[in-house]
Amino acid sequence: VRSEVQQQALQELTQNLQEKCFDKCITRPNGKLDGKQQNCLALCINRYIDTMKVVSEVMVQRGPQVRQPIEQYAGKMDSF
């Protein structure tokens, strides 16, 4: 189960990177990346990964604080 969750998270990360970084860095696709596009993609990917690390660390620290409202909301949704 854990590996499936990790695989799904990796797929979502890859999709987000493709959508955000590709759209930002590749304005006119022509079959080959030039140096500017390669640099833009590298910076975008690094920035995105760094941001995800920070968000993950904060979520781990705040886990119980975040989990409780989510569980309460989910419980309310079950009653519908």
PDB file of N, CA and C in Angstrom:
ATOM      1  N   VAL A   1       0.835  -1.189   0.000  1.00  0.00           N
ATOM      2  CA  VAL A   1       0.000   0.000   0.000  1.00  0.00           C
ATOM      3  C   VAL A   1       0.878   1.250   0.000  1.00  0.00           C
ATOM      4  N   ARG A   2       1.915   1.234   0.821  1.00  0.00           N
ATOM      5  CA  ARG A   2       2.781   2.402   0.920  1.00  0.00           C
ATOM      6  C   ARG A   2       3.471   2.705  -0.409  1.00  0.00           C
ATOM      7  N   SER A   3       3.932   1.656  -1.099  1.00  0.00           N
ATOM      8  CA  SER A   3       4.601   1.880  -2.379  1.00  0.00           C
ATOM      9  C   SER A   3       3.627   2.415  -3.419  1.00  0.00           C
ATOM     10  N   GLU A   4       2.356   2.018  -3.346  1.00  0.00           N
ATOM     11  CA  GLU A   4       1.352   2.553  -4.261  1.00  0.00           C
ATOM     12  C   GLU A   4       1.137   4.039  -4.012  1.00  0.00           C
ATOM     13  N   VAL A   5       1.100   4.427  -2.749  1.00  0.00           N
ATOM     14  CA  VAL A   5       0.939   5.838  -2.395  1.00  0.00           C
ATOM     15  C   VAL A   5       2.146   6.631  -2.871  1.00  0.00           C
ATOM     16  N   GLN A   6       3.337   6.083  -2.672  1.00  0.00           N
ATOM     17  CA  GLN A   6       4.552   6.756  -3.125  1.00  0.00           C
ATOM     18  C   GLN A   6       4.574   6.873  -4.642  1.00  0.00           C
ATOM     19  N   GLN A   7       4.149   5.836  -5.326  1.00  0.00           N
ATOM     20  CA  GLN A   7       4.118   5.859  -6.782  1.00  0.00           C
ATOM     21  C   GLN A   7       3.128   6.909  -7.279  1.00  0.00           C
ATOM     22  N   GLN A   8       1.973   6.991  -6.633  1.00  0.00           N
ATOM     23  CA  GLN A   8       0.977   7.981  -7.015  1.00  0.00           C
ATOM     24  C   GLN A   8       1.509   9.387  -6.762  1.00  0.00           C
ATOM     25  N   ALA A   9       2.174   9.594  -5.626  1.00  0.00           N
ATOM     26  CA  ALA A   9       2.742  10.904  -5.312  1.00  0.00           C
ATOM     27  C   ALA A   9       3.795  11.291  -6.341  1.00  0.00           C
ATOM     28  N   LEU A  10       4.615  10.342  -6.757  1.00  0.00           N
ATOM     29  CA  LEU A  10       5.635  10.613  -7.765  1.00  0.00           C
ATOM     30  C   LEU A  10       4.996  10.966  -9.100  1.00  0.00           C
ATOM     31  N   GLN A  11       3.931  10.275  -9.464  1.00  0.00           N
ATOM     32  CA  GLN A  11       3.227  10.580 -10.710  1.00  0.00           C
ATOM     33  C   GLN A  11       2.619  11.978 -10.663  1.00  0.00           C
ATOM     34  N   GLU A  12       2.042  12.347  -9.523  1.00  0.00           N
ATOM     35  CA  GLU A  12       1.464  13.680  -9.377  1.00  0.00           C
ATOM     36  C   GLU A  12       2.548  14.747  -9.445  1.00  0.00           C
ATOM     37  N   LEU A  13       3.682  14.491  -8.797  1.00  0.00           N
ATOM     38  CA  LEU A  13       4.801  15.425  -8.839  1.00  0.00           C
ATOM     39  C   LEU A  13       5.277  15.607 -10.271  1.00  0.00           C
ATOM     40  N   THR A  14       5.436  14.511 -10.985  1.00  0.00           N
ATOM     41  CA  THR A  14       5.888  14.576 -12.375  1.00  0.00           C
ATOM     42  C   THR A  14       4.895  15.348 -13.232  1.00  0.00           C
ATOM     43  N   GLN A  15       3.620  15.093 -13.047  1.00  0.00           N
ATOM     44  CA  GLN A  15       2.597  15.795 -13.823  1.00  0.00           C
ATOM     45  C   GLN A  15       2.614  17.290 -13.509  1.00  0.00           C
ATOM     46  N   ASN A  16       2.710  17.642 -12.230  1.00  0.00           N
ATOM     47  CA  ASN A  16       2.756  19.053 -11.851  1.00  0.00           C
ATOM     48  C   ASN A  16       3.977  19.744 -12.432  1.00  0.00           C
ATOM     49  N   LEU A  17       5.117  19.066 -12.376  1.00  0.00           N
ATOM     50  CA  LEU A  17       6.334  19.640 -12.946  1.00  0.00           C
ATOM     51  C   LEU A  17       6.177  19.851 -14.441  1.00  0.00           C
ATOM     52  N   GLN A  18       5.616  18.879 -15.116  1.00  0.00           N
ATOM     53  CA  GLN A  18       5.423  19.007 -16.558  1.00  0.00           C
ATOM     54  C   GLN A  18       4.509  20.179 -16.877  1.00  0.00           C
ATOM     55  N   GLU A  19       3.419  20.277 -16.152  1.00  0.00           N
ATOM     56  CA  GLU A  19       2.465  21.346 -16.426  1.00  0.00           C
ATOM     57  C   GLU A  19       3.055  22.715 -16.120  1.00  0.00           C
ATOM     58  N   LYS A  20       3.601  22.870 -14.930  1.00  0.00           N
ATOM     59  CA  LYS A  20       4.079  24.178 -14.501  1.00  0.00           C
ATOM     60  C   LYS A  20       5.370  24.589 -15.202  1.00  0.00           C
ATOM     61  N   CYS A  21       6.361  23.727 -15.167  1.00  0.00           N
ATOM     62  CA  CYS A  21       7.664  24.096 -15.711  1.00  0.00           C
ATOM     63  C   CYS A  21       7.664  24.106 -17.232  1.00  0.00           C
ATOM     64  N   PHE A  22       7.008  23.150 -17.844  1.00  0.00           N
ATOM     65  CA  PHE A  22       6.973  23.126 -19.303  1.00  0.00           C
ATOM     66  C   PHE A  22       6.257  24.362 -19.823  1.00  0.00           C
ATOM     67  N   ASP A  23       5.102  24.669 -19.243  1.00  0.00           N
ATOM     68  CA  ASP A  23       4.351  25.842 -19.690  1.00  0.00           C
ATOM     69  C   ASP A  23       5.144  27.126 -19.492  1.00  0.00           C
ATOM     70  N   LYS A  24       5.906  27.179 -18.415  1.00  0.00           N
ATOM     71  CA  LYS A  24       6.680  28.386 -18.121  1.00  0.00           C
ATOM     72  C   LYS A  24       7.904  28.513 -19.027  1.00  0.00           C
ATOM     73  N   CYS A  25       8.588  27.407 -19.276  1.00  0.00           N
ATOM     74  CA  CYS A  25       9.901  27.461 -19.926  1.00  0.00           C
ATOM     75  C   CYS A  25       9.880  27.198 -21.427  1.00  0.00           C
ATOM     76  N   ILE A  26       8.901  26.480 -21.900  1.00  0.00           N
ATOM     77  CA  ILE A  26       8.868  26.107 -23.312  1.00  0.00           C
ATOM     78  C   ILE A  26       7.722  26.863 -23.978  1.00  0.00           C
ATOM     79  N   THR A  27       8.048  28.011 -24.519  1.00  0.00           N
ATOM     80  CA  THR A  27       7.007  28.839 -25.132  1.00  0.00           C
ATOM     81  C   THR A  27       6.723  28.419 -26.569  1.00  0.00           C
ATOM     82  N   ARG A  28       7.753  27.919 -27.246  1.00  0.00           N
ATOM     83  CA  ARG A  28       7.588  27.454 -28.628  1.00  0.00           C
ATOM     84  C   ARG A  28       8.308  26.117 -28.800  1.00  0.00           C
ATOM     85  N   PRO A  29       7.606  25.015 -28.587  1.00  0.00           N
ATOM     86  CA  PRO A  29       8.265  23.710 -28.747  1.00  0.00           C
ATOM     87  C   PRO A  29       8.732  23.512 -30.192  1.00  0.00           C
ATOM     88  N   ASN A  30       9.970  23.041 -30.336  1.00  0.00           N
ATOM     89  CA  ASN A  30      10.483  22.804 -31.686  1.00  0.00           C
ATOM     90  C   ASN A  30      11.236  21.479 -31.785  1.00  0.00           C
ATOM     91  N   GLY A  31      11.058  20.604 -30.820  1.00  0.00           N
ATOM     92  CA  GLY A  31      11.696  19.300 -30.879  1.00  0.00           C
ATOM     93  C   GLY A  31      13.034  19.212 -30.184  1.00  0.00           C
ATOM     94  N   LYS A  32      13.633  20.346 -29.852  1.00  0.00           N
ATOM     95  CA  LYS A  32      14.930  20.338 -29.186  1.00  0.00           C
ATOM     96  C   LYS A  32      15.001  21.523 -28.220  1.00  0.00           C
ATOM     97  N   LEU A  33      15.528  21.268 -27.005  1.00  0.00           N
ATOM     98  CA  LEU A  33      15.641  22.334 -26.011  1.00  0.00           C
ATOM     99  C   LEU A  33      16.933  23.112 -26.232  1.00  0.00           C
ATOM    100  N   ASP A  34      16.819  24.432 -26.204  1.00  0.00           N
ATOM    101  CA  ASP A  34      18.039  25.233 -26.261  1.00  0.00           C
ATOM    102  C   ASP A  34      18.561  25.447 -24.841  1.00  0.00           C
ATOM    103  N   GLY A  35      19.703  26.067 -24.709  1.00  0.00           N
ATOM    104  CA  GLY A  35      20.330  26.260 -23.403  1.00  0.00           C
ATOM    105  C   GLY A  35      19.465  27.043 -22.433  1.00  0.00           C
ATOM    106  N   LYS A  36      18.794  28.072 -22.934  1.00  0.00           N
ATOM    107  CA  LYS A  36      17.921  28.890 -22.084  1.00  0.00           C
ATOM    108  C   LYS A  36      16.762  28.055 -21.535  1.00  0.00           C
ATOM    109  N   GLN A  37      16.171  27.231 -22.380  1.00  0.00           N
ATOM    110  CA  GLN A  37      15.061  26.383 -21.948  1.00  0.00           C
ATOM    111  C   GLN A  37      15.533  25.333 -20.941  1.00  0.00           C
ATOM    112  N   GLN A  38      16.692  24.741 -21.184  1.00  0.00           N
ATOM    113  CA  GLN A  38      17.241  23.752 -20.255  1.00  0.00           C
ATOM    114  C   GLN A  38      17.498  24.377 -18.892  1.00  0.00           C
ATOM    115  N   ASN A  39      18.075  25.576 -18.889  1.00  0.00           N
ATOM    116  CA  ASN A  39      18.351  26.275 -17.629  1.00  0.00           C
ATOM    117  C   ASN A  39      17.054  26.616 -16.906  1.00  0.00           C
ATOM    118  N   CYS A  40      16.077  27.106 -17.639  1.00  0.00           N
ATOM    119  CA  CYS A  40      14.782  27.450 -17.047  1.00  0.00           C
ATOM    120  C   CYS A  40      14.135  26.216 -16.424  1.00  0.00           C
ATOM    121  N   LEU A  41      14.150  25.091 -17.141  1.00  0.00           N
ATOM    122  CA  LEU A  41      13.565  23.856 -16.612  1.00  0.00           C
ATOM    123  C   LEU A  41      14.284  23.387 -15.358  1.00  0.00           C
ATOM    124  N   ALA A  42      15.616  23.440 -15.374  1.00  0.00           N
ATOM    125  CA  ALA A  42      16.391  23.000 -14.206  1.00  0.00           C
ATOM    126  C   ALA A  42      16.065  23.857 -12.989  1.00  0.00           C
ATOM    127  N   LEU A  43      16.022  25.174 -13.174  1.00  0.00           N
ATOM    128  CA  LEU A  43      15.706  26.072 -12.058  1.00  0.00           C
ATOM    129  C   LEU A  43      14.278  25.861 -11.565  1.00  0.00           C
ATOM    130  N   CYS A  44      13.353  25.713 -12.481  1.00  0.00           N
ATOM    131  CA  CYS A  44      11.949  25.514 -12.116  1.00  0.00           C
ATOM    132  C   CYS A  44      11.770  24.219 -11.330  1.00  0.00           C
ATOM    133  N   ILE A  45      12.370  23.150 -11.808  1.00  0.00           N
ATOM    134  CA  ILE A  45      12.251  21.856 -11.132  1.00  0.00           C
ATOM    135  C   ILE A  45      12.876  21.914  -9.749  1.00  0.00           C
ATOM    136  N   ASN A  46      14.060  22.504  -9.642  1.00  0.00           N
ATOM    137  CA  ASN A  46      14.718  22.620  -8.333  1.00  0.00           C
ATOM    138  C   ASN A  46      13.884  23.449  -7.367  1.00  0.00           C
ATOM    139  N   ARG A  47      13.330  24.540  -7.842  1.00  0.00           N
ATOM    140  CA  ARG A  47      12.498  25.402  -7.004  1.00  0.00           C
ATOM    141  C   ARG A  47      11.252  24.647  -6.542  1.00  0.00           C
ATOM    142  N   TYR A  48      10.634  23.924  -7.439  1.00  0.00           N
ATOM    143  CA  TYR A  48       9.423  23.171  -7.107  1.00  0.00           C
ATOM    144  C   TYR A  48       9.724  22.095  -6.068  1.00  0.00           C
ATOM    145  N   ILE A  49      10.814  21.360  -6.256  1.00  0.00           N
ATOM    146  CA  ILE A  49      11.181  20.301  -5.314  1.00  0.00           C
ATOM    147  C   ILE A  49      11.521  20.892  -3.951  1.00  0.00           C
ATOM    148  N   ASP A  50      12.265  22.004  -3.925  1.00  0.00           N
ATOM    149  CA  ASP A  50      12.580  22.656  -2.650  1.00  0.00           C
ATOM    150  C   ASP A  50      11.306  23.089  -1.932  1.00  0.00           C
ATOM    151  N   THR A  51      10.365  23.627  -2.678  1.00  0.00           N
ATOM    152  CA  THR A  51       9.093  24.056  -2.091  1.00  0.00           C
ATOM    153  C   THR A  51       8.327  22.868  -1.526  1.00  0.00           C
ATOM    154  N   MET A  52       8.302  21.769  -2.255  1.00  0.00           N
ATOM    155  CA  MET A  52       7.604  20.574  -1.774  1.00  0.00           C
ATOM    156  C   MET A  52       8.250  20.025  -0.503  1.00  0.00           C
ATOM    157  N   LYS A  53       9.572  20.117  -0.400  1.00  0.00           N
ATOM    158  CA  LYS A  53      10.254  19.668   0.822  1.00  0.00           C
ATOM    159  C   LYS A  53       9.809  20.504   2.014  1.00  0.00           C
ATOM    160  N   VAL A  54       9.762  21.828   1.832  1.00  0.00           N
ATOM    161  CA  VAL A  54       9.357  22.720   2.920  1.00  0.00           C
ATOM    162  C   VAL A  54       7.913  22.432   3.316  1.00  0.00           C
ATOM    163  N   VAL A  55       7.040  22.289   2.338  1.00  0.00           N
ATOM    164  CA  VAL A  55       5.631  22.005   2.623  1.00  0.00           C
ATOM    165  C   VAL A  55       5.498  20.678   3.370  1.00  0.00           C
ATOM    166  N   SER A  56       6.240  19.667   2.940  1.00  0.00           N
ATOM    167  CA  SER A  56       6.191  18.361   3.607  1.00  0.00           C
ATOM    168  C   SER A  56       6.646  18.457   5.052  1.00  0.00           C
ATOM    169  N   GLU A  57       7.724  19.197   5.293  1.00  0.00           N
ATOM    170  CA  GLU A  57       8.230  19.355   6.657  1.00  0.00           C
ATOM    171  C   GLU A  57       7.202  20.052   7.538  1.00  0.00           C
ATOM    172  N   VAL A  58       6.571  21.083   7.013  1.00  0.00           N
ATOM    173  CA  VAL A  58       5.555  21.805   7.779  1.00  0.00           C
ATOM    174  C   VAL A  58       4.355  20.896   8.053  1.00  0.00           C
ATOM    175  N   MET A  59       3.952  20.115   7.070  1.00  0.00           N
ATOM    176  CA  MET A  59       2.820  19.207   7.264  1.00  0.00           C
ATOM    177  C   MET A  59       3.130  18.158   8.324  1.00  0.00           C
ATOM    178  N   VAL A  60       4.356  17.660   8.355  1.00  0.00           N
ATOM    179  CA  VAL A  60       4.742  16.685   9.377  1.00  0.00           C
ATOM    180  C   VAL A  60       4.690  17.335  10.751  1.00  0.00           C
ATOM    181  N   GLN A  61       5.195  18.561  10.861  1.00  0.00           N
ATOM    182  CA  GLN A  61       5.194  19.268  12.143  1.00  0.00           C
ATOM    183  C   GLN A  61       3.775  19.560  12.610  1.00  0.00           C
ATOM    184  N   ARG A  62       2.929  19.918  11.680  1.00  0.00           N
ATOM    185  CA  ARG A  62       1.558  20.300  12.022  1.00  0.00           C
ATOM    186  C   ARG A  62       0.575  19.144  11.869  1.00  0.00           C
ATOM    187  N   GLY A  63       1.067  17.972  11.638  1.00  0.00           N
ATOM    188  CA  GLY A  63       0.222  16.810  11.376  1.00  0.00           C
ATOM    189  C   GLY A  63      -1.027  16.725  12.214  1.00  0.00           C
ATOM    190  N   PRO A  64      -0.890  16.656  13.539  1.00  0.00           N
ATOM    191  CA  PRO A  64      -2.095  16.540  14.373  1.00  0.00           C
ATOM    192  C   PRO A  64      -3.028  17.742  14.237  1.00  0.00           C
ATOM    193  N   GLN A  65      -2.480  18.927  14.081  1.00  0.00           N
ATOM    194  CA  GLN A  65      -3.306  20.129  13.959  1.00  0.00           C
ATOM    195  C   GLN A  65      -4.099  20.116  12.661  1.00  0.00           C
ATOM    196  N   VAL A  66      -3.503  19.608  11.610  1.00  0.00           N
ATOM    197  CA  VAL A  66      -4.155  19.573  10.307  1.00  0.00           C
ATOM    198  C   VAL A  66      -5.092  18.376  10.204  1.00  0.00           C
ATOM    199  N   ARG A  67      -4.686  17.264  10.746  1.00  0.00           N
ATOM    200  CA  ARG A  67      -5.448  16.023  10.621  1.00  0.00           C
ATOM    201  C   ARG A  67      -6.817  16.129  11.281  1.00  0.00           C
ATOM    202  N   GLN A  68      -6.903  16.760  12.452  1.00  0.00           N
ATOM    203  CA  GLN A  68      -8.165  16.810  13.187  1.00  0.00           C
ATOM    204  C   GLN A  68      -9.272  17.505  12.389  1.00  0.00           C
ATOM    205  N   PRO A  69      -9.055  18.711  11.846  1.00  0.00           N
ATOM    206  CA  PRO A  69     -10.138  19.325  11.060  1.00  0.00           C
ATOM    207  C   PRO A  69     -10.510  18.509   9.823  1.00  0.00           C
ATOM    208  N   ILE A  70      -9.531  17.874   9.201  1.00  0.00           N
ATOM    209  CA  ILE A  70      -9.822  17.051   8.028  1.00  0.00           C
ATOM    210  C   ILE A  70     -10.695  15.867   8.420  1.00  0.00           C
ATOM    211  N   GLU A  71     -10.371  15.219   9.522  1.00  0.00           N
ATOM    212  CA  GLU A  71     -11.159  14.073   9.982  1.00  0.00           C
ATOM    213  C   GLU A  71     -12.569  14.509  10.372  1.00  0.00           C
ATOM    214  N   GLN A  72     -12.688  15.688  10.994  1.00  0.00           N
ATOM    215  CA  GLN A  72     -14.013  16.183  11.364  1.00  0.00           C
ATOM    216  C   GLN A  72     -14.848  16.455  10.115  1.00  0.00           C
ATOM    217  N   TYR A  73     -14.227  17.057   9.118  1.00  0.00           N
ATOM    218  CA  TYR A  73     -14.924  17.347   7.869  1.00  0.00           C
ATOM    219  C   TYR A  73     -15.342  16.049   7.187  1.00  0.00           C
ATOM    220  N   ALA A  74     -14.434  15.078   7.156  1.00  0.00           N
ATOM    221  CA  ALA A  74     -14.741  13.788   6.534  1.00  0.00           C
ATOM    222  C   ALA A  74     -15.901  13.110   7.257  1.00  0.00           C
ATOM    223  N   GLY A  75     -15.938  13.223   8.570  1.00  0.00           N
ATOM    224  CA  GLY A  75     -17.032  12.644   9.338  1.00  0.00           C
ATOM    225  C   GLY A  75     -18.367  13.277   8.992  1.00  0.00           C
ATOM    226  N   LYS A  76     -18.366  14.580   8.780  1.00  0.00           N
ATOM    227  CA  LYS A  76     -19.592  15.270   8.390  1.00  0.00           C
ATOM    228  C   LYS A  76     -20.037  14.836   7.001  1.00  0.00           C
ATOM    229  N   MET A  77     -19.081  14.607   6.111  1.00  0.00           N
ATOM    230  CA  MET A  77     -19.413  14.192   4.754  1.00  0.00           C
ATOM    231  C   MET A  77     -20.011  12.789   4.737  1.00  0.00           C
ATOM    232  N   ASP A  78     -19.599  11.942   5.678  1.00  0.00           N
ATOM    233  CA  ASP A  78     -20.132  10.579   5.746  1.00  0.00           C
ATOM    234  C   ASP A  78     -21.617  10.567   6.093  1.00  0.00           C
ATOM    235  N   SER A  79     -22.083  11.609   6.777  1.00  0.00           N
ATOM    236  CA  SER A  79     -23.476  11.628   7.211  1.00  0.00           C
ATOM    237  C   SER A  79     -24.434  12.038   6.095  1.00  0.00           C
ATOM    238  N   PHE A  80     -23.924  12.447   4.954  1.00  0.00           N
ATOM    239  CA  PHE A  80     -24.799  12.846   3.842  1.00  0.00           C
ATOM    240  C   PHE A  80     -25.351  11.669   3.124  1.00  0.00           C
TER     241      PHE A  80
END
